[in-house]
Amino acid sequence: MKPHVTCLMASSVDGRTHHSRWRPKGTGADLFEKVHDQLGGDAWLIGRVTGSEFARGKPYPTDTTATFPRENWFARRDAKASDVKAYGVVLDAHGKIGWGRSDIGGDPIVVVLTEGVSDAHLAGLRGEGVSYIFAGQSELDLALTLEILNRELGVKRLLLEGGGAANGAFLRAGLVDELNLILCPAVDGARGAPIVFDSADDESDKRAPVTAMTLESTTPLGGGALLLRYLITNDPASALR
């Protein structure tokens, strides 16, 4: 079963998401955390680049004598049964991140890997109590990722929170059900800044199967910022590809 996926992002009026570049300087990060808490998802998901910003460790050793089956491994499954609010899910297809921690803000980390990740990296994750799942042999299957999170961890509502590459991949896969966009009264105005939805160069011609976006609500957040909530309709055929 697929969780309901809500993409939550804060952007300037020109669609940029790197708060430190905005002028005038504002409270985009504070508003994001406020809305994040209000939405209360069972899990939130970010890509590798964004995930690296939370890492505290160095890359794991490259050698180990241990061998591990390519099976999902969980340091804990009780996030919703304790005082923990949600799981923090990070896409790291090829095992690049050395965490140096097992949670982000109290939310247990769950890493999404491909089966080509080394045993040494798995040993590093296990040693730090970082859960992981496998969702593909050499490339991540995002639909499978969602199915595993629902089946194994009971995730029914997932907050997709970037960066732009991760958001864009889910959008093009027809897996985003809702967009909550915090539109802040600021501009970036320069090339190269991160944006809400992005793609790699080889995917720049692939269009998302979005057939409709319905504005459900517009909520003032103070200081000129707005929360725009859109429901997204995807082409049903996209789920078959």
Protein backbone atom coordinates (compact mmCIF):
# COMPACT_ATOMS: atom_id res chain seq x y z
CA MET A 1 0.00 0.00 0.00
CA LYS A 2 1.27 3.47 -0.87
CA PRO A 3 1.38 6.14 1.85
CA HIS A 4 -0.18 9.53 1.16
CA VAL A 5 2.77 11.67 0.02
CA THR A 6 2.73 15.39 0.80
CA CYS A 7 5.58 17.49 -0.58
CA LEU A 8 6.32 20.27 1.90
CA MET A 9 8.68 23.05 0.87
CA ALA A 10 9.34 26.70 1.64
CA SER A 11 10.36 28.88 -1.27
CA SER A 12 10.94 32.47 -2.29
CA VAL A 13 8.53 33.97 -4.80
CA ASP A 14 10.94 32.90 -7.58
CA GLY A 15 10.81 29.28 -6.45
CA ARG A 16 14.21 29.07 -4.76
CA THR A 17 14.67 27.09 -1.56
CA HIS A 18 18.05 28.08 -0.10
CA HIS A 19 16.95 30.40 2.72
CA SER A 20 20.34 32.00 3.31
CA ARG A 21 20.29 33.49 -0.21
CA TRP A 22 16.92 35.20 0.16
CA ARG A 23 16.54 38.96 0.34
CA PRO A 24 15.22 40.36 2.49
CA LYS A 25 16.28 37.80 5.05
CA GLY A 26 13.26 36.13 6.58
CA THR A 27 11.90 33.26 8.61
CA GLY A 28 11.43 30.57 5.96
CA ALA A 29 13.11 27.89 8.08
CA ASP A 30 11.01 28.74 11.14
CA LEU A 31 7.78 28.61 9.13
CA PHE A 32 8.81 25.29 7.60
CA GLU A 33 9.32 23.68 11.00
CA LYS A 34 5.99 25.05 12.22
CA VAL A 35 4.03 23.62 9.30
CA HIS A 36 6.03 20.37 9.43
CA ASP A 37 4.91 19.86 13.02
CA GLN A 38 1.31 20.76 12.20
CA LEU A 39 1.12 18.22 9.36
CA GLY A 40 2.38 15.48 11.67
CA GLY A 41 3.46 12.82 9.17
CA ASP A 42 4.46 9.30 10.19
CA ALA A 43 7.76 9.84 8.35
CA TRP A 44 9.60 12.52 6.43
CA LEU A 45 11.92 11.90 3.49
CA ILE A 46 14.91 13.76 2.07
CA GLY A 47 17.53 13.08 -0.59
CA ARG A 48 21.22 12.29 -0.19
CA VAL A 49 22.50 15.86 -0.57
CA THR A 50 20.08 17.20 2.03
CA GLY A 51 20.76 14.18 4.24
CA SER A 52 24.51 14.85 4.15
CA GLU A 53 23.86 18.19 5.83
CA PHE A 54 22.65 16.33 8.92
CA ALA A 55 25.51 13.81 9.06
CA ARG A 56 28.06 14.08 11.85
CA GLY A 57 30.36 11.22 10.96
CA LYS A 58 33.01 10.35 8.40
CA PRO A 59 32.61 7.73 5.65
CA TYR A 60 32.64 4.22 7.06
CA PRO A 61 35.67 1.93 6.63
CA THR A 62 35.82 0.27 3.22
CA ASP A 63 36.72 -3.21 4.48
CA THR A 64 35.00 -5.71 6.74
CA THR A 65 35.12 -9.44 7.31
CA ALA A 66 31.38 -9.52 7.96
CA THR A 67 28.79 -10.35 5.32
CA PHE A 68 25.16 -9.32 5.46
CA PRO A 69 22.09 -10.46 3.52
CA ARG A 70 20.48 -7.82 1.36
CA GLU A 71 17.46 -7.68 3.63
CA ASN A 72 15.80 -4.77 5.39
CA TRP A 73 17.28 -4.18 8.85
CA PHE A 74 15.72 -2.10 11.61
CA ALA A 75 17.40 -0.87 14.75
CA ARG A 76 13.92 0.01 15.98
CA ARG A 77 10.34 -0.09 14.72
CA ASP A 78 8.60 1.71 17.57
CA ALA A 79 8.73 5.37 16.51
CA LYS A 80 4.97 5.85 16.77
CA ALA A 81 4.71 3.81 19.98
CA SER A 82 7.07 6.06 21.94
CA ASP A 83 7.71 9.76 22.31
CA VAL A 84 9.31 9.81 18.85
CA LYS A 85 7.18 11.69 16.33
CA ALA A 86 8.27 10.16 13.05
CA TYR A 87 10.94 8.32 11.06
CA GLY A 88 13.55 10.33 9.16
CA VAL A 89 14.00 8.60 5.79
CA VAL A 90 17.04 9.40 3.64
CA LEU A 91 17.67 8.27 0.06
CA ASP A 92 21.31 7.14 -0.18
CA ALA A 93 21.31 4.72 -3.09
CA HIS A 94 25.02 3.92 -3.10
CA GLY A 95 25.81 4.32 0.60
CA LYS A 96 27.76 7.58 0.68
CA ILE A 97 26.78 9.00 4.07
CA GLY A 98 28.60 8.21 7.32
CA TRP A 99 26.09 9.29 9.92
CA GLY A 100 27.77 9.53 13.31
CA ARG A 101 24.26 9.52 14.78
CA SER A 102 21.15 7.33 14.74
CA ASP A 103 18.47 10.02 14.78
CA ILE A 104 17.75 13.53 13.55
CA GLY A 105 16.01 15.67 16.12
CA GLY A 106 14.90 12.50 17.91
CA ASP A 107 13.48 10.91 14.75
CA PRO A 108 15.16 7.52 14.01
CA ILE A 109 17.03 7.50 10.68
CA VAL A 110 16.02 4.97 8.01
CA VAL A 111 18.33 4.88 4.98
CA VAL A 112 17.10 3.70 1.57
CA LEU A 113 19.82 1.74 -0.27
CA THR A 114 20.38 -0.31 -3.39
CA GLU A 115 21.66 -3.87 -3.14
CA GLY A 116 25.06 -2.88 -4.52
CA VAL A 117 26.05 -1.16 -1.27
CA SER A 118 29.09 -2.77 0.36
CA ASP A 119 29.03 -4.97 3.43
CA ALA A 120 31.41 -2.49 5.05
CA HIS A 121 28.84 0.28 4.71
CA LEU A 122 26.12 -1.94 6.16
CA ALA A 123 28.41 -2.75 9.08
CA GLY A 124 28.86 0.97 9.68
CA LEU A 125 25.11 1.59 9.67
CA ARG A 126 24.47 -1.30 12.03
CA GLY A 127 27.23 -0.18 14.35
CA GLU A 128 25.58 3.22 14.73
CA GLY A 129 22.05 1.85 15.05
CA VAL A 130 20.89 3.28 11.70
CA SER A 131 18.07 1.29 10.10
CA TYR A 132 18.11 0.59 6.37
CA ILE A 133 15.92 -0.85 3.63
CA PHE A 134 16.72 -2.04 0.11
CA ALA A 135 14.65 -0.69 -2.78
CA GLY A 136 16.37 -1.80 -5.97
CA GLN A 137 19.45 -3.58 -7.28
CA SER A 138 21.38 -0.68 -8.80
CA GLU A 139 18.82 2.17 -8.89
CA LEU A 140 16.20 3.14 -6.35
CA ASP A 141 12.61 2.15 -7.02
CA LEU A 142 10.66 4.95 -5.34
CA ALA A 143 7.30 3.16 -5.48
CA LEU A 144 8.91 0.15 -3.79
CA THR A 145 10.43 2.47 -1.19
CA LEU A 146 6.97 3.72 -0.24
CA GLU A 147 5.51 0.21 -0.17
CA ILE A 148 8.25 -1.01 2.18
CA LEU A 149 7.84 1.97 4.52
CA ASN A 150 4.12 1.26 4.73
CA ARG A 151 4.46 -2.51 5.15
CA GLU A 152 7.40 -2.60 7.54
CA LEU A 153 6.95 0.59 9.57
CA GLY A 154 3.26 1.38 9.19
CA VAL A 155 3.88 4.70 7.43
CA LYS A 156 0.56 6.04 6.14
CA ARG A 157 1.47 9.71 5.72
CA LEU A 158 4.87 10.75 4.42
CA LEU A 159 6.24 14.28 4.14
CA LEU A 160 8.53 14.68 1.13
CA GLU A 161 10.92 17.52 2.01
CA GLY A 162 13.61 17.71 -0.64
CA GLY A 163 15.93 18.67 -2.01
CA GLY A 164 14.72 19.44 -5.47
CA ALA A 165 16.19 16.31 -7.06
CA ALA A 166 14.37 13.98 -4.66
CA ASN A 167 11.14 15.97 -4.97
CA GLY A 168 11.39 15.93 -8.75
CA ALA A 169 12.02 12.19 -8.88
CA PHE A 170 8.89 11.45 -6.85
CA LEU A 171 6.87 13.93 -8.92
CA ARG A 172 7.95 12.38 -12.23
CA ALA A 173 7.13 8.94 -10.85
CA GLY A 174 3.55 10.08 -10.21
CA LEU A 175 3.88 9.49 -6.46
CA VAL A 176 3.14 12.96 -5.03
CA ASP A 177 -0.45 13.39 -3.82
CA GLU A 178 -0.27 16.87 -2.36
CA LEU A 179 1.92 19.98 -2.38
CA ASN A 180 2.10 22.28 0.63
CA LEU A 181 4.15 25.27 -0.49
CA ILE A 182 5.14 27.97 1.98
CA LEU A 183 5.53 31.01 -0.25
CA CYS A 184 7.73 33.57 1.48
CA PRO A 185 7.98 37.31 0.69
CA ALA A 186 11.56 37.12 -0.54
CA VAL A 187 13.52 36.72 -3.76
CA ASP A 188 16.74 34.96 -4.68
CA GLY A 189 17.17 36.28 -8.19
CA ALA A 190 20.29 34.33 -9.15
CA ARG A 191 21.04 31.31 -11.29
CA GLY A 192 22.01 27.97 -9.81
CA ALA A 193 20.04 28.12 -6.57
CA PRO A 194 18.13 25.00 -5.44
CA ILE A 195 14.50 24.89 -6.55
CA VAL A 196 11.38 23.07 -5.33
CA PHE A 197 11.38 20.42 -8.10
CA ASP A 198 14.49 19.61 -10.12
CA SER A 199 16.01 16.85 -12.26
CA ALA A 200 19.31 15.50 -13.48
CA ASP A 201 20.39 16.57 -16.97
CA ASP A 202 19.43 13.20 -18.45
CA GLU A 203 15.89 13.54 -17.08
CA SER A 204 15.28 17.14 -18.08
CA ASP A 205 12.91 16.13 -20.91
CA LYS A 206 10.84 13.75 -18.77
CA ARG A 207 7.59 15.38 -17.72
CA ALA A 208 5.64 14.62 -14.56
CA PRO A 209 2.33 12.79 -15.15
CA VAL A 210 0.36 15.53 -13.36
CA THR A 211 -3.06 16.07 -14.93
CA ALA A 212 -4.50 18.56 -12.42
CA MET A 213 -3.61 20.64 -9.39
CA THR A 214 -6.49 21.79 -7.20
CA LEU A 215 -5.99 24.64 -4.76
CA GLU A 216 -7.57 23.41 -1.53
CA SER A 217 -6.62 26.27 0.77
CA THR A 218 -4.59 29.44 1.15
CA THR A 219 -3.50 30.16 4.71
CA PRO A 220 -1.74 33.39 5.78
CA LEU A 221 1.23 32.60 8.03
CA GLY A 222 2.07 36.16 8.99
CA GLY A 223 4.64 38.59 7.66
CA GLY A 224 3.36 38.23 4.11
CA ALA A 225 3.98 34.46 3.89
CA LEU A 226 1.29 32.10 2.58
CA LEU A 227 0.74 28.36 2.84
CA LEU A 228 -0.65 27.12 -0.48
CA ARG A 229 -2.14 23.62 -0.35
CA TYR A 230 -2.67 21.85 -3.67
CA LEU A 231 -4.08 18.39 -4.27
CA ILE A 232 -2.34 16.68 -7.19
CA THR A 233 -4.01 14.36 -9.69
CA ASN A 234 -1.66 12.04 -11.55
CA ASP A 235 -2.29 10.12 -14.74
CA PRO A 236 -3.37 6.63 -13.55
CA ALA A 237 -1.25 5.11 -16.31
CA SER A 238 1.88 6.42 -14.57
CA ALA A 239 1.40 3.85 -11.81
CA LEU A 240 1.64 1.06 -14.39
CA ARG A 241 4.94 2.11 -15.90
